[in-house]
Amino acid sequence: MPSPDAIIAATAILNDAKLYSNNDGDFSYAVDNFGLQYENPINRMVLDRFMQENGLKFDQKDTMETLERVIEGLNESELRELAYKSIGLLNDEAKKDQIKFARNLKKKRM
């Protein structure tokens, strides 16, 4: 599971909230192993057709910028709780990415 998705899943789990997304592949692990409440309200074929017809694309950069804005608003205790919960959702490569992301965020806060 990629780092941003792990943080999103952990946030939903911590808040006992249902996650609505069309990213079945990445969130299935959290559903199966951590009890994530998940629902995909979007028909993928309809979404793909809409994106293509309107010249739209999924942009990883926009996702990361949004994630940074949300995380910057959390206090130290909330960040630690989120980190502990999300780390269990990650594979080894994603763990390295999350540590790098956290270090960069910490530098920005200083």
PDB file of N, CA and C in Angstrom:
ATOM      1  N   MET A   1       0.850  -1.178   0.000  1.00  0.00           N
ATOM      2  CA  MET A   1       0.000   0.000   0.000  1.00  0.00           C
ATOM      3  C   MET A   1       0.893   1.237   0.000  1.00  0.00           C
ATOM      4  N   PRO A   2       0.687   2.144  -0.925  1.00  0.00           N
ATOM      5  CA  PRO A   2       1.484   3.379  -0.956  1.00  0.00           C
ATOM      6  C   PRO A   2       1.255   4.227   0.291  1.00  0.00           C
ATOM      7  N   SER A   3       2.254   4.986   0.649  1.00  0.00           N
ATOM      8  CA  SER A   3       2.224   5.795   1.862  1.00  0.00           C
ATOM      9  C   SER A   3       0.991   6.693   1.984  1.00  0.00           C
ATOM     10  N   PRO A   4       0.654   7.502   0.979  1.00  0.00           N
ATOM     11  CA  PRO A   4      -0.524   8.361   1.131  1.00  0.00           C
ATOM     12  C   PRO A   4      -1.795   7.558   1.400  1.00  0.00           C
ATOM     13  N   ASP A   5      -1.949   6.412   0.726  1.00  0.00           N
ATOM     14  CA  ASP A   5      -3.130   5.581   0.943  1.00  0.00           C
ATOM     15  C   ASP A   5      -3.133   4.989   2.349  1.00  0.00           C
ATOM     16  N   ALA A   6      -1.964   4.617   2.856  1.00  0.00           N
ATOM     17  CA  ALA A   6      -1.878   4.075   4.212  1.00  0.00           C
ATOM     18  C   ALA A   6      -2.300   5.127   5.234  1.00  0.00           C
ATOM     19  N   ILE A   7      -1.901   6.365   5.023  1.00  0.00           N
ATOM     20  CA  ILE A   7      -2.277   7.439   5.942  1.00  0.00           C
ATOM     21  C   ILE A   7      -3.781   7.696   5.864  1.00  0.00           C
ATOM     22  N   ILE A   8      -4.318   7.675   4.664  1.00  0.00           N
ATOM     23  CA  ILE A   8      -5.765   7.862   4.491  1.00  0.00           C
ATOM     24  C   ILE A   8      -6.524   6.722   5.187  1.00  0.00           C
ATOM     25  N   ALA A   9      -6.087   5.493   4.962  1.00  0.00           N
ATOM     26  CA  ALA A   9      -6.749   4.338   5.584  1.00  0.00           C
ATOM     27  C   ALA A   9      -6.642   4.407   7.106  1.00  0.00           C
ATOM     28  N   ALA A  10      -5.461   4.731   7.608  1.00  0.00           N
ATOM     29  CA  ALA A  10      -5.275   4.809   9.060  1.00  0.00           C
ATOM     30  C   ALA A  10      -6.155   5.898   9.668  1.00  0.00           C
ATOM     31  N   THR A  11      -6.291   7.012   8.970  1.00  0.00           N
ATOM     32  CA  THR A  11      -7.149   8.093   9.459  1.00  0.00           C
ATOM     33  C   THR A  11      -8.594   7.619   9.565  1.00  0.00           C
ATOM     34  N   ALA A  12      -9.070   6.910   8.552  1.00  0.00           N
ATOM     35  CA  ALA A  12     -10.436   6.383   8.584  1.00  0.00           C
ATOM     36  C   ALA A  12     -10.605   5.367   9.713  1.00  0.00           C
ATOM     37  N   ILE A  13      -9.624   4.489   9.886  1.00  0.00           N
ATOM     38  CA  ILE A  13      -9.698   3.483  10.945  1.00  0.00           C
ATOM     39  C   ILE A  13      -9.712   4.146  12.321  1.00  0.00           C
ATOM     40  N   LEU A  14      -8.816   5.111  12.534  1.00  0.00           N
ATOM     41  CA  LEU A  14      -8.738   5.801  13.827  1.00  0.00           C
ATOM     42  C   LEU A  14     -10.028   6.537  14.171  1.00  0.00           C
ATOM     43  N   ASN A  15     -10.700   7.036  13.160  1.00  0.00           N
ATOM     44  CA  ASN A  15     -11.930   7.797  13.388  1.00  0.00           C
ATOM     45  C   ASN A  15     -13.187   6.959  13.222  1.00  0.00           C
ATOM     46  N   ASP A  16     -12.997   5.649  13.084  1.00  0.00           N
ATOM     47  CA  ASP A  16     -14.104   4.713  12.895  1.00  0.00           C
ATOM     48  C   ASP A  16     -15.042   5.221  11.806  1.00  0.00           C
ATOM     49  N   ALA A  17     -14.442   5.658  10.694  1.00  0.00           N
ATOM     50  CA  ALA A  17     -15.193   6.232   9.582  1.00  0.00           C
ATOM     51  C   ALA A  17     -15.134   5.313   8.363  1.00  0.00           C
ATOM     52  N   LYS A  18     -16.142   5.392   7.556  1.00  0.00           N
ATOM     53  CA  LYS A  18     -16.143   4.637   6.301  1.00  0.00           C
ATOM     54  C   LYS A  18     -15.386   5.456   5.261  1.00  0.00           C
ATOM     55  N   LEU A  19     -14.499   4.802   4.542  1.00  0.00           N
ATOM     56  CA  LEU A  19     -13.726   5.436   3.485  1.00  0.00           C
ATOM     57  C   LEU A  19     -14.416   5.170   2.149  1.00  0.00           C
ATOM     58  N   TYR A  20     -14.714   6.235   1.443  1.00  0.00           N
ATOM     59  CA  TYR A  20     -15.292   6.134   0.110  1.00  0.00           C
ATOM     60  C   TYR A  20     -14.201   6.466  -0.894  1.00  0.00           C
ATOM     61  N   SER A  21     -13.918   5.527  -1.768  1.00  0.00           N
ATOM     62  CA  SER A  21     -12.860   5.717  -2.757  1.00  0.00           C
ATOM     63  C   SER A  21     -13.104   4.768  -3.926  1.00  0.00           C
ATOM     64  N   ASN A  22     -12.445   5.050  -5.022  1.00  0.00           N
ATOM     65  CA  ASN A  22     -12.517   4.117  -6.150  1.00  0.00           C
ATOM     66  C   ASN A  22     -11.192   3.380  -6.318  1.00  0.00           C
ATOM     67  N   ASN A  23     -10.406   3.316  -5.257  1.00  0.00           N
ATOM     68  CA  ASN A  23      -9.082   2.705  -5.297  1.00  0.00           C
ATOM     69  C   ASN A  23      -9.118   1.342  -4.596  1.00  0.00           C
ATOM     70  N   ASP A  24      -9.888   0.430  -5.148  1.00  0.00           N
ATOM     71  CA  ASP A  24     -10.077  -0.881  -4.521  1.00  0.00           C
ATOM     72  C   ASP A  24      -8.772  -1.620  -4.264  1.00  0.00           C
ATOM     73  N   GLY A  25      -7.868  -1.590  -5.239  1.00  0.00           N
ATOM     74  CA  GLY A  25      -6.633  -2.358  -5.138  1.00  0.00           C
ATOM     75  C   GLY A  25      -5.786  -1.977  -3.937  1.00  0.00           C
ATOM     76  N   ASP A  26      -5.595  -0.690  -3.730  1.00  0.00           N
ATOM     77  CA  ASP A  26      -4.726  -0.262  -2.636  1.00  0.00           C
ATOM     78  C   ASP A  26      -5.380  -0.416  -1.266  1.00  0.00           C
ATOM     79  N   PHE A  27      -6.694  -0.280  -1.190  1.00  0.00           N
ATOM     80  CA  PHE A  27      -7.344  -0.315   0.123  1.00  0.00           C
ATOM     81  C   PHE A  27      -7.819  -1.702   0.534  1.00  0.00           C
ATOM     82  N   SER A  28      -7.766  -2.681  -0.350  1.00  0.00           N
ATOM     83  CA  SER A  28      -8.249  -4.021  -0.007  1.00  0.00           C
ATOM     84  C   SER A  28      -7.440  -4.644   1.133  1.00  0.00           C
ATOM     85  N   TYR A  29      -6.137  -4.372   1.182  1.00  0.00           N
ATOM     86  CA  TYR A  29      -5.304  -4.923   2.261  1.00  0.00           C
ATOM     87  C   TYR A  29      -5.774  -4.409   3.623  1.00  0.00           C
ATOM     88  N   ALA A  30      -6.071  -3.115   3.699  1.00  0.00           N
ATOM     89  CA  ALA A  30      -6.535  -2.530   4.965  1.00  0.00           C
ATOM     90  C   ALA A  30      -7.910  -3.061   5.338  1.00  0.00           C
ATOM     91  N   VAL A  31      -8.744  -3.323   4.349  1.00  0.00           N
ATOM     92  CA  VAL A  31     -10.063  -3.896   4.607  1.00  0.00           C
ATOM     93  C   VAL A  31      -9.907  -5.301   5.180  1.00  0.00           C
ATOM     94  N   ASP A  32      -9.080  -6.102   4.538  1.00  0.00           N
ATOM     95  CA  ASP A  32      -8.911  -7.503   4.934  1.00  0.00           C
ATOM     96  C   ASP A  32      -8.161  -7.679   6.252  1.00  0.00           C
ATOM     97  N   ASN A  33      -7.200  -6.813   6.555  1.00  0.00           N
ATOM     98  CA  ASN A  33      -6.316  -7.035   7.698  1.00  0.00           C
ATOM     99  C   ASN A  33      -6.494  -6.059   8.866  1.00  0.00           C
ATOM    100  N   PHE A  34      -7.153  -4.931   8.639  1.00  0.00           N
ATOM    101  CA  PHE A  34      -7.262  -3.928   9.700  1.00  0.00           C
ATOM    102  C   PHE A  34      -8.688  -3.448   9.923  1.00  0.00           C
ATOM    103  N   GLY A  35      -9.641  -4.067   9.263  1.00  0.00           N
ATOM    104  CA  GLY A  35     -11.038  -3.726   9.497  1.00  0.00           C
ATOM    105  C   GLY A  35     -11.472  -2.382   8.935  1.00  0.00           C
ATOM    106  N   LEU A  36     -10.769  -1.894   7.927  1.00  0.00           N
ATOM    107  CA  LEU A  36     -11.168  -0.635   7.300  1.00  0.00           C
ATOM    108  C   LEU A  36     -12.572  -0.784   6.721  1.00  0.00           C
ATOM    109  N   GLN A  37     -13.430   0.164   7.053  1.00  0.00           N
ATOM    110  CA  GLN A  37     -14.757   0.228   6.446  1.00  0.00           C
ATOM    111  C   GLN A  37     -14.598   0.955   5.116  1.00  0.00           C
ATOM    112  N   TYR A  38     -14.894   0.282   4.023  1.00  0.00           N
ATOM    113  CA  TYR A  38     -14.590   0.823   2.695  1.00  0.00           C
ATOM    114  C   TYR A  38     -15.754   0.589   1.746  1.00  0.00           C
ATOM    115  N   GLU A  39     -16.014   1.595   0.922  1.00  0.00           N
ATOM    116  CA  GLU A  39     -17.027   1.439  -0.121  1.00  0.00           C
ATOM    117  C   GLU A  39     -16.584   2.195  -1.367  1.00  0.00           C
ATOM    118  N   ASN A  40     -16.743   1.566  -2.495  1.00  0.00           N
ATOM    119  CA  ASN A  40     -16.434   2.198  -3.773  1.00  0.00           C
ATOM    120  C   ASN A  40     -17.759   2.612  -4.412  1.00  0.00           C
ATOM    121  N   PRO A  41     -18.064   3.911  -4.373  1.00  0.00           N
ATOM    122  CA  PRO A  41     -19.343   4.364  -4.929  1.00  0.00           C
ATOM    123  C   PRO A  41     -19.279   4.646  -6.433  1.00  0.00           C
ATOM    124  N   ILE A  42     -18.114   4.396  -7.031  1.00  0.00           N
ATOM    125  CA  ILE A  42     -17.896   4.804  -8.419  1.00  0.00           C
ATOM    126  C   ILE A  42     -17.704   3.590  -9.306  1.00  0.00           C
ATOM    127  N   ASN A  43     -18.405   3.585 -10.404  1.00  0.00           N
ATOM    128  CA  ASN A  43     -18.194   2.572 -11.421  1.00  0.00           C
ATOM    129  C   ASN A  43     -16.933   2.976 -12.186  1.00  0.00           C
ATOM    130  N   ARG A  44     -15.891   2.177 -12.117  1.00  0.00           N
ATOM    131  CA  ARG A  44     -14.583   2.531 -12.694  1.00  0.00           C
ATOM    132  C   ARG A  44     -14.658   2.799 -14.201  1.00  0.00           C
ATOM    133  N   MET A  45     -15.431   2.035 -14.905  1.00  0.00           N
ATOM    134  CA  MET A  45     -15.530   2.249 -16.349  1.00  0.00           C
ATOM    135  C   MET A  45     -16.179   3.602 -16.651  1.00  0.00           C
ATOM    136  N   VAL A  46     -17.198   3.966 -15.890  1.00  0.00           N
ATOM    137  CA  VAL A  46     -17.848   5.262 -16.080  1.00  0.00           C
ATOM    138  C   VAL A  46     -16.877   6.379 -15.754  1.00  0.00           C
ATOM    139  N   LEU A  47     -16.123   6.229 -14.660  1.00  0.00           N
ATOM    140  CA  LEU A  47     -15.145   7.245 -14.271  1.00  0.00           C
ATOM    141  C   LEU A  47     -14.054   7.394 -15.334  1.00  0.00           C
ATOM    142  N   ASP A  48     -13.510   6.295 -15.810  1.00  0.00           N
ATOM    143  CA  ASP A  48     -12.468   6.357 -16.845  1.00  0.00           C
ATOM    144  C   ASP A  48     -12.970   7.054 -18.104  1.00  0.00           C
ATOM    145  N   ARG A  49     -14.191   6.733 -18.501  1.00  0.00           N
ATOM    146  CA  ARG A  49     -14.772   7.370 -19.690  1.00  0.00           C
ATOM    147  C   ARG A  49     -14.941   8.878 -19.456  1.00  0.00           C
ATOM    148  N   PHE A  50     -15.435   9.258 -18.266  1.00  0.00           N
ATOM    149  CA  PHE A  50     -15.598  10.673 -17.931  1.00  0.00           C
ATOM    150  C   PHE A  50     -14.262  11.404 -17.971  1.00  0.00           C
ATOM    151  N   MET A  51     -13.241  10.804 -17.378  1.00  0.00           N
ATOM    152  CA  MET A  51     -11.917  11.429 -17.348  1.00  0.00           C
ATOM    153  C   MET A  51     -11.390  11.611 -18.776  1.00  0.00           C
ATOM    154  N   GLN A  52     -11.535  10.590 -19.586  1.00  0.00           N
ATOM    155  CA  GLN A  52     -11.041  10.661 -20.966  1.00  0.00           C
ATOM    156  C   GLN A  52     -11.814  11.702 -21.779  1.00  0.00           C
ATOM    157  N   GLU A  53     -13.128  11.688 -21.663  1.00  0.00           N
ATOM    158  CA  GLU A  53     -13.963  12.629 -22.422  1.00  0.00           C
ATOM    159  C   GLU A  53     -13.670  14.088 -22.060  1.00  0.00           C
ATOM    160  N   ASN A  54     -13.240  14.316 -20.825  1.00  0.00           N
ATOM    161  CA  ASN A  54     -13.010  15.678 -20.351  1.00  0.00           C
ATOM    162  C   ASN A  54     -11.531  16.050 -20.271  1.00  0.00           C
ATOM    163  N   GLY A  55     -10.675  15.187 -20.829  1.00  0.00           N
ATOM    164  CA  GLY A  55      -9.247  15.483 -20.849  1.00  0.00           C
ATOM    165  C   GLY A  55      -8.627  15.576 -19.470  1.00  0.00           C
ATOM    166  N   LEU A  56      -9.145  14.826 -18.516  1.00  0.00           N
ATOM    167  CA  LEU A  56      -8.649  14.865 -17.139  1.00  0.00           C
ATOM    168  C   LEU A  56      -7.721  13.693 -16.885  1.00  0.00           C
ATOM    169  N   LYS A  57      -6.866  13.838 -15.877  1.00  0.00           N
ATOM    170  CA  LYS A  57      -5.985  12.741 -15.472  1.00  0.00           C
ATOM    171  C   LYS A  57      -5.836  12.779 -13.958  1.00  0.00           C
ATOM    172  N   PHE A  58      -5.412  11.666 -13.395  1.00  0.00           N
ATOM    173  CA  PHE A  58      -5.152  11.582 -11.965  1.00  0.00           C
ATOM    174  C   PHE A  58      -3.732  12.064 -11.732  1.00  0.00           C
ATOM    175  N   ASP A  59      -3.569  13.039 -10.863  1.00  0.00           N
ATOM    176  CA  ASP A  59      -2.268  13.656 -10.648  1.00  0.00           C
ATOM    177  C   ASP A  59      -1.748  13.354  -9.247  1.00  0.00           C
ATOM    178  N   GLN A  60      -0.684  12.566  -9.166  1.00  0.00           N
ATOM    179  CA  GLN A  60      -0.073  12.198  -7.883  1.00  0.00           C
ATOM    180  C   GLN A  60       0.391  13.429  -7.113  1.00  0.00           C
ATOM    181  N   LYS A  61       0.895  14.441  -7.831  1.00  0.00           N
ATOM    182  CA  LYS A  61       1.392  15.654  -7.174  1.00  0.00           C
ATOM    183  C   LYS A  61       0.277  16.356  -6.405  1.00  0.00           C
ATOM    184  N   ASP A  62      -0.911  16.457  -6.993  1.00  0.00           N
ATOM    185  CA  ASP A  62      -2.040  17.092  -6.318  1.00  0.00           C
ATOM    186  C   ASP A  62      -2.430  16.324  -5.065  1.00  0.00           C
ATOM    187  N   THR A  63      -2.392  15.004  -5.144  1.00  0.00           N
ATOM    188  CA  THR A  63      -2.724  14.174  -3.989  1.00  0.00           C
ATOM    189  C   THR A  63      -1.743  14.418  -2.853  1.00  0.00           C
ATOM    190  N   MET A  64      -0.457  14.465  -3.158  1.00  0.00           N
ATOM    191  CA  MET A  64       0.554  14.682  -2.121  1.00  0.00           C
ATOM    192  C   MET A  64       0.441  16.082  -1.510  1.00  0.00           C
ATOM    193  N   GLU A  65       0.151  17.088  -2.315  1.00  0.00           N
ATOM    194  CA  GLU A  65       0.007  18.440  -1.781  1.00  0.00           C
ATOM    195  C   GLU A  65      -1.196  18.531  -0.845  1.00  0.00           C
ATOM    196  N   THR A  66      -2.290  17.883  -1.201  1.00  0.00           N
ATOM    197  CA  THR A  66      -3.468  17.860  -0.332  1.00  0.00           C
ATOM    198  C   THR A  66      -3.150  17.140   0.971  1.00  0.00           C
ATOM    199  N   LEU A  67      -2.465  16.015   0.879  1.00  0.00           N
ATOM    200  CA  LEU A  67      -2.089  15.258   2.064  1.00  0.00           C
ATOM    201  C   LEU A  67      -1.203  16.094   2.984  1.00  0.00           C
ATOM    202  N   GLU A  68      -0.241  16.815   2.420  1.00  0.00           N
ATOM    203  CA  GLU A  68       0.629  17.671   3.229  1.00  0.00           C
ATOM    204  C   GLU A  68      -0.171  18.739   3.974  1.00  0.00           C
ATOM    205  N   ARG A  69      -1.144  19.357   3.299  1.00  0.00           N
ATOM    206  CA  ARG A  69      -1.963  20.389   3.954  1.00  0.00           C
ATOM    207  C   ARG A  69      -2.746  19.811   5.123  1.00  0.00           C
ATOM    208  N   VAL A  70      -3.306  18.618   4.946  1.00  0.00           N
ATOM    209  CA  VAL A  70      -4.074  17.986   6.021  1.00  0.00           C
ATOM    210  C   VAL A  70      -3.165  17.647   7.195  1.00  0.00           C
ATOM    211  N   ILE A  71      -2.030  17.040   6.915  1.00  0.00           N
ATOM    212  CA  ILE A  71      -1.120  16.611   7.973  1.00  0.00           C
ATOM    213  C   ILE A  71      -0.532  17.800   8.722  1.00  0.00           C
ATOM    214  N   GLU A  72      -0.254  18.876   8.022  1.00  0.00           N
ATOM    215  CA  GLU A  72       0.311  20.056   8.685  1.00  0.00           C
ATOM    216  C   GLU A  72      -0.622  20.609   9.759  1.00  0.00           C
ATOM    217  N   GLY A  73      -1.914  20.321   9.647  1.00  0.00           N
ATOM    218  CA  GLY A  73      -2.879  20.806  10.630  1.00  0.00           C
ATOM    219  C   GLY A  73      -2.990  19.934  11.871  1.00  0.00           C
ATOM    220  N   LEU A  74      -2.327  18.787  11.887  1.00  0.00           N
ATOM    221  CA  LEU A  74      -2.412  17.882  13.039  1.00  0.00           C
ATOM    222  C   LEU A  74      -1.396  18.264  14.098  1.00  0.00           C
ATOM    223  N   ASN A  75      -1.763  18.054  15.368  1.00  0.00           N
ATOM    224  CA  ASN A  75      -0.794  18.292  16.440  1.00  0.00           C
ATOM    225  C   ASN A  75       0.116  17.075  16.588  1.00  0.00           C
ATOM    226  N   GLU A  76       1.122  17.199  17.434  1.00  0.00           N
ATOM    227  CA  GLU A  76       2.148  16.147  17.583  1.00  0.00           C
ATOM    228  C   GLU A  76       1.536  14.807  17.987  1.00  0.00           C
ATOM    229  N   SER A  77       0.607  14.825  18.915  1.00  0.00           N
ATOM    230  CA  SER A  77      -0.029  13.599  19.384  1.00  0.00           C
ATOM    231  C   SER A  77      -0.820  12.922  18.266  1.00  0.00           C
ATOM    232  N   GLU A  78      -1.566  13.715  17.498  1.00  0.00           N
ATOM    233  CA  GLU A  78      -2.337  13.172  16.378  1.00  0.00           C
ATOM    234  C   GLU A  78      -1.421  12.594  15.305  1.00  0.00           C
ATOM    235  N   LEU A  79      -0.303  13.276  15.050  1.00  0.00           N
ATOM    236  CA  LEU A  79       0.654  12.776  14.064  1.00  0.00           C
ATOM    237  C   LEU A  79       1.248  11.439  14.480  1.00  0.00           C
ATOM    238  N   ARG A  80       1.620  11.328  15.748  1.00  0.00           N
ATOM    239  CA  ARG A  80       2.193  10.068  16.235  1.00  0.00           C
ATOM    240  C   ARG A  80       1.184   8.925  16.122  1.00  0.00           C
ATOM    241  N   GLU A  81      -0.052   9.179  16.531  1.00  0.00           N
ATOM    242  CA  GLU A  81      -1.081   8.143  16.472  1.00  0.00           C
ATOM    243  C   GLU A  81      -1.330   7.717  15.026  1.00  0.00           C
ATOM    244  N   LEU A  82      -1.383   8.678  14.133  1.00  0.00           N
ATOM    245  CA  LEU A  82      -1.583   8.385  12.719  1.00  0.00           C
ATOM    246  C   LEU A  82      -0.412   7.585  12.151  1.00  0.00           C
ATOM    247  N   ALA A  83       0.803   7.963  12.525  1.00  0.00           N
ATOM    248  CA  ALA A  83       1.991   7.258  12.039  1.00  0.00           C
ATOM    249  C   ALA A  83       2.008   5.810  12.514  1.00  0.00           C
ATOM    250  N   TYR A  84       1.711   5.578  13.791  1.00  0.00           N
ATOM    251  CA  TYR A  84       1.727   4.206  14.315  1.00  0.00           C
ATOM    252  C   TYR A  84       0.676   3.343  13.625  1.00  0.00           C
ATOM    253  N   LYS A  85      -0.493   3.905  13.392  1.00  0.00           N
ATOM    254  CA  LYS A  85      -1.564   3.134  12.766  1.00  0.00           C
ATOM    255  C   LYS A  85      -1.253   2.853  11.300  1.00  0.00           C
ATOM    256  N   SER A  86      -0.692   3.845  10.599  1.00  0.00           N
ATOM    257  CA  SER A  86      -0.462   3.671   9.165  1.00  0.00           C
ATOM    258  C   SER A  86       0.751   2.805   8.854  1.00  0.00           C
ATOM    259  N   ILE A  87       1.732   2.745   9.748  1.00  0.00           N
ATOM    260  CA  ILE A  87       2.959   2.001   9.463  1.00  0.00           C
ATOM    261  C   ILE A  87       2.676   0.508   9.253  1.00  0.00           C
ATOM    262  N   GLY A  88       1.672  -0.022   9.936  1.00  0.00           N
ATOM    263  CA  GLY A  88       1.330  -1.430   9.781  1.00  0.00           C
ATOM    264  C   GLY A  88       0.708  -1.758   8.433  1.00  0.00           C
ATOM    265  N   LEU A  89       0.280  -0.742   7.711  1.00  0.00           N
ATOM    266  CA  LEU A  89      -0.363  -0.954   6.416  1.00  0.00           C
ATOM    267  C   LEU A  89       0.625  -0.953   5.257  1.00  0.00           C
ATOM    268  N   LEU A  90       1.876  -0.610   5.538  1.00  0.00           N
ATOM    269  CA  LEU A  90       2.839  -0.368   4.464  1.00  0.00           C
ATOM    270  C   LEU A  90       3.730  -1.561   4.162  1.00  0.00           C
ATOM    271  N   ASN A  91       4.138  -1.662   2.908  1.00  0.00           N
ATOM    272  CA  ASN A  91       5.190  -2.609   2.562  1.00  0.00           C
ATOM    273  C   ASN A  91       6.536  -1.927   2.821  1.00  0.00           C
ATOM    274  N   ASP A  92       7.643  -2.629   2.682  1.00  0.00           N
ATOM    275  CA  ASP A  92       8.960  -2.081   3.031  1.00  0.00           C
ATOM    276  C   ASP A  92       9.312  -0.828   2.238  1.00  0.00           C
ATOM    277  N   GLU A  93       9.039  -0.827   0.951  1.00  0.00           N
ATOM    278  CA  GLU A  93       9.357   0.343   0.116  1.00  0.00           C
ATOM    279  C   GLU A  93       8.526   1.552   0.539  1.00  0.00           C
ATOM    280  N   ALA A  94       7.260   1.322   0.811  1.00  0.00           N
ATOM    281  CA  ALA A  94       6.388   2.420   1.232  1.00  0.00           C
ATOM    282  C   ALA A  94       6.787   2.943   2.612  1.00  0.00           C
ATOM    283  N   LYS A  95       7.298   2.052   3.490  1.00  0.00           N
ATOM    284  CA  LYS A  95       7.766   2.504   4.802  1.00  0.00           C
ATOM    285  C   LYS A  95       8.919   3.495   4.636  1.00  0.00           C
ATOM    286  N   LYS A  96       9.830   3.198   3.728  1.00  0.00           N
ATOM    287  CA  LYS A  96      10.950   4.112   3.459  1.00  0.00           C
ATOM    288  C   LYS A  96      10.425   5.453   2.952  1.00  0.00           C
ATOM    289  N   ASP A  97       9.433   5.402   2.066  1.00  0.00           N
ATOM    290  CA  ASP A  97       8.840   6.638   1.534  1.00  0.00           C
ATOM    291  C   ASP A  97       8.174   7.446   2.640  1.00  0.00           C
ATOM    292  N   GLN A  98       7.482   6.758   3.549  1.00  0.00           N
ATOM    293  CA  GLN A  98       6.789   7.470   4.625  1.00  0.00           C
ATOM    294  C   GLN A  98       7.789   8.123   5.574  1.00  0.00           C
ATOM    295  N   ILE A  99       8.875   7.442   5.887  1.00  0.00           N
ATOM    296  CA  ILE A  99       9.900   8.019   6.763  1.00  0.00           C
ATOM    297  C   ILE A  99      10.505   9.257   6.112  1.00  0.00           C
ATOM    298  N   LYS A 100      10.790   9.173   4.826  1.00  0.00           N
ATOM    299  CA  LYS A 100      11.325  10.328   4.094  1.00  0.00           C
ATOM    300  C   LYS A 100      10.321  11.488   4.112  1.00  0.00           C
ATOM    301  N   PHE A 101       9.056  11.169   3.873  1.00  0.00           N
ATOM    302  CA  PHE A 101       8.000  12.183   3.879  1.00  0.00           C
ATOM    303  C   PHE A 101       7.912  12.851   5.253  1.00  0.00           C
ATOM    304  N   ALA A 102       7.947  12.055   6.320  1.00  0.00           N
ATOM    305  CA  ALA A 102       7.860  12.592   7.684  1.00  0.00           C
ATOM    306  C   ALA A 102       9.050  13.487   8.011  1.00  0.00           C
ATOM    307  N   ARG A 103      10.236  13.079   7.601  1.00  0.00           N
ATOM    308  CA  ARG A 103      11.421  13.904   7.850  1.00  0.00           C
ATOM    309  C   ARG A 103      11.324  15.238   7.128  1.00  0.00           C
ATOM    310  N   ASN A 104      10.864  15.219   5.885  1.00  0.00           N
ATOM    311  CA  ASN A 104      10.706  16.462   5.133  1.00  0.00           C
ATOM    312  C   ASN A 104       9.653  17.365   5.766  1.00  0.00           C
ATOM    313  N   LEU A 105       8.574  16.772   6.241  1.00  0.00           N
ATOM    314  CA  LEU A 105       7.529  17.546   6.897  1.00  0.00           C
ATOM    315  C   LEU A 105       8.049  18.159   8.190  1.00  0.00           C
ATOM    316  N   LYS A 106       8.849  17.393   8.925  1.00  0.00           N
ATOM    317  CA  LYS A 106       9.406  17.893  10.175  1.00  0.00           C
ATOM    318  C   LYS A 106      10.326  19.092   9.895  1.00  0.00           C
ATOM    319  N   LYS A 107      11.128  19.007   8.824  1.00  0.00           N
ATOM    320  CA  LYS A 107      12.011  20.119   8.459  1.00  0.00           C
ATOM    321  C   LYS A 107      11.202  21.371   8.143  1.00  0.00           C
ATOM    322  N   LYS A 108      10.066  21.199   7.464  1.00  0.00           N
ATOM    323  CA  LYS A 108       9.205  22.336   7.124  1.00  0.00           C
ATOM    324  C   LYS A 108       8.644  22.992   8.381  1.00  0.00           C
ATOM    325  N   ARG A 109       8.356  22.187   9.415  1.00  0.00           N
ATOM    326  CA  ARG A 109       7.780  22.724  10.649  1.00  0.00           C
ATOM    327  C   ARG A 109       8.795  23.485  11.484  1.00  0.00           C
ATOM    328  N   MET A 110      10.076  23.198  11.302  1.00  0.00           N
ATOM    329  CA  MET A 110      11.119  23.834  12.117  1.00  0.00           C
ATOM    330  C   MET A 110      11.469  25.205  11.613  1.00  0.00           C
TER     331      MET A 110
END
